Protein backbone atom coordinates (compact mmCIF):
# COMPACT_ATOMS: atom_id res chain seq x y z
CA UNK A 1 -5.61 35.76 -9.32
CA UNK A 2 -7.01 36.82 -12.63
CA UNK A 3 -10.24 35.58 -13.95
CA UNK A 4 -8.62 33.11 -16.38
CA UNK A 5 -6.21 31.63 -13.99
CA UNK A 6 -6.94 27.76 -13.06
CA UNK A 7 -5.50 26.46 -9.82
CA UNK A 8 -4.77 22.71 -9.45
CA UNK A 9 -4.01 21.89 -5.72
CA UNK A 10 -1.63 19.01 -4.86
CA UNK A 11 -1.86 17.08 -1.22
CA UNK A 12 1.77 16.78 -0.12
CA UNK A 13 1.97 13.59 2.09
CA UNK A 14 1.63 10.29 0.16
CA UNK A 15 1.57 11.79 -3.17
CA UNK A 16 4.60 14.30 -3.23
CA UNK A 17 6.42 13.15 0.02
CA UNK A 18 7.06 9.74 1.45
CA UNK A 19 7.38 10.09 5.51
CA UNK A 20 6.81 6.31 5.92
CA UNK A 21 10.42 6.10 7.43
CA UNK A 22 9.09 7.76 10.27
CA UNK A 23 5.86 6.36 11.13
CA UNK A 24 7.42 4.28 13.57
CA UNK A 25 7.56 7.49 15.79
CA UNK A 26 3.83 7.24 15.99
CA UNK A 27 3.25 3.72 17.02
CA UNK A 28 2.99 2.05 20.22
CA UNK A 29 2.93 3.95 23.77
CA UNK A 30 5.25 6.65 23.45
CA UNK A 31 6.73 8.77 25.92
CA UNK A 32 5.06 11.92 26.62
CA UNK A 33 1.86 10.85 24.87
CA UNK A 34 0.26 11.20 21.34
CA UNK A 35 0.85 14.95 20.70
CA UNK A 36 4.61 14.84 21.57
CA UNK A 37 4.77 11.63 19.13
CA UNK A 38 3.29 13.42 16.32
CA UNK A 39 5.66 16.45 16.91
CA UNK A 40 8.71 14.13 16.87
CA UNK A 41 7.16 12.70 13.51
CA UNK A 42 6.47 16.35 12.26
CA UNK A 43 10.19 17.25 13.16
CA UNK A 44 11.30 14.96 10.29
CA UNK A 45 9.19 16.48 7.39
CA UNK A 46 12.21 18.12 6.03
CA UNK A 47 13.59 14.38 5.59
CA UNK A 48 10.93 12.96 3.39
CA UNK A 49 11.58 10.96 0.59
CA UNK A 50 10.44 12.41 -2.87
CA UNK A 51 7.79 10.46 -4.80
CA UNK A 52 9.01 11.01 -8.00
CA UNK A 53 5.79 10.30 -10.30
CA UNK A 54 4.05 12.95 -8.00
CA UNK A 55 6.82 15.68 -8.67
CA UNK A 56 6.60 14.47 -12.32
CA UNK A 57 2.84 15.56 -12.22
CA UNK A 58 3.43 18.67 -10.33
CA UNK A 59 5.83 19.82 -13.32
CA UNK A 60 3.62 18.83 -15.85
CA UNK A 61 0.58 20.79 -14.44
CA UNK A 62 2.98 23.89 -14.09
CA UNK A 63 4.09 23.30 -17.72
CA UNK A 64 0.51 23.63 -18.79
CA UNK A 65 0.36 27.17 -17.34
CA UNK A 66 -1.83 26.01 -14.50
CA UNK A 67 -1.49 27.59 -10.90
CA UNK A 68 0.01 25.20 -8.46
CA UNK A 69 -1.18 25.26 -4.84
CA UNK A 70 0.25 22.76 -2.06
CA UNK A 71 -2.06 21.52 0.49
CA UNK A 72 -1.13 19.54 3.59
CA UNK A 73 -2.76 18.54 6.77
CA UNK A 74 0.65 19.15 8.53
CA UNK A 75 0.13 21.82 11.26
CA UNK A 76 1.13 25.29 10.28
CA UNK A 77 4.28 25.10 12.68
CA UNK A 78 5.78 22.92 9.75
CA UNK A 79 5.32 25.32 6.91
CA UNK A 80 8.62 26.66 6.69
CA UNK A 81 10.33 23.11 6.60
CA UNK A 82 7.85 22.18 4.28
CA UNK A 83 8.27 25.09 1.72
CA UNK A 84 12.14 24.43 2.16
CA UNK A 85 11.63 20.80 1.17
CA UNK A 86 9.80 21.49 -1.74
CA UNK A 87 12.31 24.18 -2.88
CA UNK A 88 15.35 21.76 -2.19
CA UNK A 89 13.73 18.99 -4.25
CA UNK A 90 13.01 20.97 -7.09
CA UNK A 91 9.20 21.19 -6.91
CA UNK A 92 7.50 24.17 -8.94
CA UNK A 93 7.10 26.97 -6.78
CA UNK A 94 3.53 27.38 -6.07
CA UNK A 95 1.21 30.31 -5.34
CA UNK A 96 0.51 28.96 -2.07
CA UNK A 97 1.01 26.41 0.71
CA UNK A 98 -2.30 25.64 2.78
CA UNK A 99 -1.63 23.92 6.18
CA UNK A 100 -3.65 22.88 9.23
CA UNK A 101 -4.48 25.87 11.42
CA UNK A 102 -3.05 25.88 15.06
CA UNK A 103 -5.56 23.88 17.23
CA UNK A 104 -7.35 22.52 14.25
CA UNK A 105 -8.21 18.80 15.02
CA UNK A 106 -10.70 17.95 12.36
CA UNK A 107 -10.31 15.03 10.16
CA UNK A 108 -7.85 15.39 7.34
CA UNK A 109 -10.64 15.46 4.41
CA UNK A 110 -12.50 18.34 6.39
CA UNK A 111 -8.89 20.31 6.48
CA UNK A 112 -8.66 19.71 2.71
CA UNK A 113 -12.25 20.91 1.94
CA UNK A 114 -11.39 23.93 3.86
CA UNK A 115 -8.45 24.37 1.72
CA UNK A 116 -10.54 24.06 -1.46
CA UNK A 117 -12.98 26.60 -0.15
CA UNK A 118 -10.07 29.04 0.42
CA UNK A 119 -9.07 28.89 -3.40
CA UNK A 120 -12.84 28.94 -4.25
CA UNK A 121 -14.15 29.31 -7.75
CA UNK A 122 -10.36 29.25 -9.24
CA UNK A 123 -10.01 25.57 -8.21
CA UNK A 124 -9.77 23.60 -11.29
CA UNK A 125 -8.79 20.15 -9.61
CA UNK A 126 -7.52 18.65 -6.34
CA UNK A 127 -5.12 15.91 -6.54
CA UNK A 128 -4.75 13.50 -3.69
CA UNK A 129 -3.14 10.02 -2.81
CA UNK A 130 -6.17 8.58 -0.56
CA UNK A 131 -9.28 7.10 -2.66
CA UNK A 132 -11.52 7.81 0.20
CA UNK A 133 -10.55 11.67 0.08
CA UNK A 134 -10.96 11.91 -3.58
CA UNK A 135 -14.16 10.27 -3.30
CA UNK A 136 -15.65 12.66 -0.67
CA UNK A 137 -14.12 15.79 -2.42
CA UNK A 138 -15.96 14.45 -5.45
CA UNK A 139 -19.11 14.14 -3.56
CA UNK A 140 -18.84 17.94 -2.27
CA UNK A 141 -18.40 19.09 -5.89
CA UNK A 142 -14.56 19.30 -6.15
CA UNK A 143 -13.02 17.93 -9.58
CA UNK A 144 -10.69 15.67 -7.51
CA UNK A 145 -8.15 12.95 -9.09
CA UNK A 146 -6.10 10.55 -7.45
CA UNK A 147 -2.30 10.82 -8.21
CA UNK A 148 -2.50 7.27 -9.63
CA UNK A 149 -5.29 8.28 -12.02
CA UNK A 150 -3.15 11.10 -13.44
CA UNK A 151 0.25 9.63 -13.47
CA UNK A 152 1.53 8.39 -16.86
CA UNK A 153 -1.11 10.53 -18.81
CA UNK A 154 0.33 12.18 -21.94
CA UNK A 155 0.68 15.89 -21.75
CA UNK A 156 -2.54 16.38 -23.80
CA UNK A 157 -4.49 13.66 -21.77
CA UNK A 158 -3.33 15.63 -18.74
CA UNK A 159 -4.24 18.94 -20.31
CA UNK A 160 -8.00 17.62 -20.96
CA UNK A 161 -8.39 16.30 -17.47
CA UNK A 162 -7.02 19.44 -15.58
CA UNK A 163 -6.87 22.46 -17.66
CA UNK A 164 -10.22 22.06 -19.54
CA UNK A 165 -12.14 20.99 -16.39
CA UNK A 166 -13.39 23.66 -14.06
CA UNK A 167 -12.31 27.21 -14.35
CA UNK A 168 -13.58 30.21 -12.37
CA UNK A 169 -17.07 29.60 -11.21
CA UNK A 170 -16.91 26.02 -11.69
CA UNK A 171 -16.87 25.03 -7.93
CA UNK A 172 -18.76 26.80 -5.34
CA UNK A 173 -17.54 24.62 -2.49
CA UNK A 174 -21.21 22.94 -1.96
CA UNK A 175 -21.44 20.61 -4.78
CA UNK A 176 -23.34 22.87 -7.04
CA UNK A 177 -22.37 25.10 -10.01
CA UNK A 178 -22.61 28.94 -9.84
CA UNK A 179 -25.55 28.99 -11.99
CA UNK A 180 -27.34 26.40 -9.72
CA UNK A 181 -26.25 28.43 -6.56
CA UNK A 182 -27.90 31.69 -8.14
CA UNK A 183 -31.09 29.66 -8.46
CA UNK A 184 -31.32 29.44 -4.84
CA UNK A 185 -29.12 26.93 -3.34
CA UNK A 186 -27.50 28.26 -0.22
CA UNK A 187 -23.87 29.06 -0.41
CA UNK A 188 -21.61 27.91 2.59
CA UNK A 189 -19.51 30.07 4.37
CA UNK A 190 -15.70 29.51 3.49
CA UNK A 191 -13.79 27.92 6.28
CA UNK A 192 -10.58 29.35 7.87
CA UNK A 193 -7.04 28.02 6.92
CA UNK A 194 -3.51 28.85 7.42
CA UNK A 195 -2.02 30.14 4.41
CA UNK A 196 1.43 31.43 3.61
CA UNK A 197 3.36 31.92 0.18
CA UNK A 198 6.27 29.71 -0.42
């Protein structure tokens, strides 16, 4: 990425994709256990309904010249199906799709923090549907926003929130600015994430 590019990362499930029609696959005592129940659920990611305000928001961000990156806590085995779903449903092509690595059992918010670290100082904002995740990311120094906060903003307002915020060097992943880090705040090591270009 060039020094002037600004990345806005969008969480997929709950903000862009609605998989609620398949959540019954996760409830109760399922044959084969929890792992197989999740696998059956993830087999349906290509059939998710589009959340229109979320797609509108991604289109608006891309129209502002921001670099779109997609984040999901779906396992990396769902990456190809997820890329196809995004393309088939008219989402702007993103620079990358970040997924949960094989064997990664961390809570979703920790996976998302790892995705933010992977993007590093280019990250201008992270957009998520879960208020607790937004708050946790903000506490860690990420300029996080809820889909609901941004939906319905006019283009100028959206630009002020997303494009004007951050920029290279604004976020270090440990809640401090680059200047504060240079004064002696320890730098956290970047986490490993699965990445693939859509």
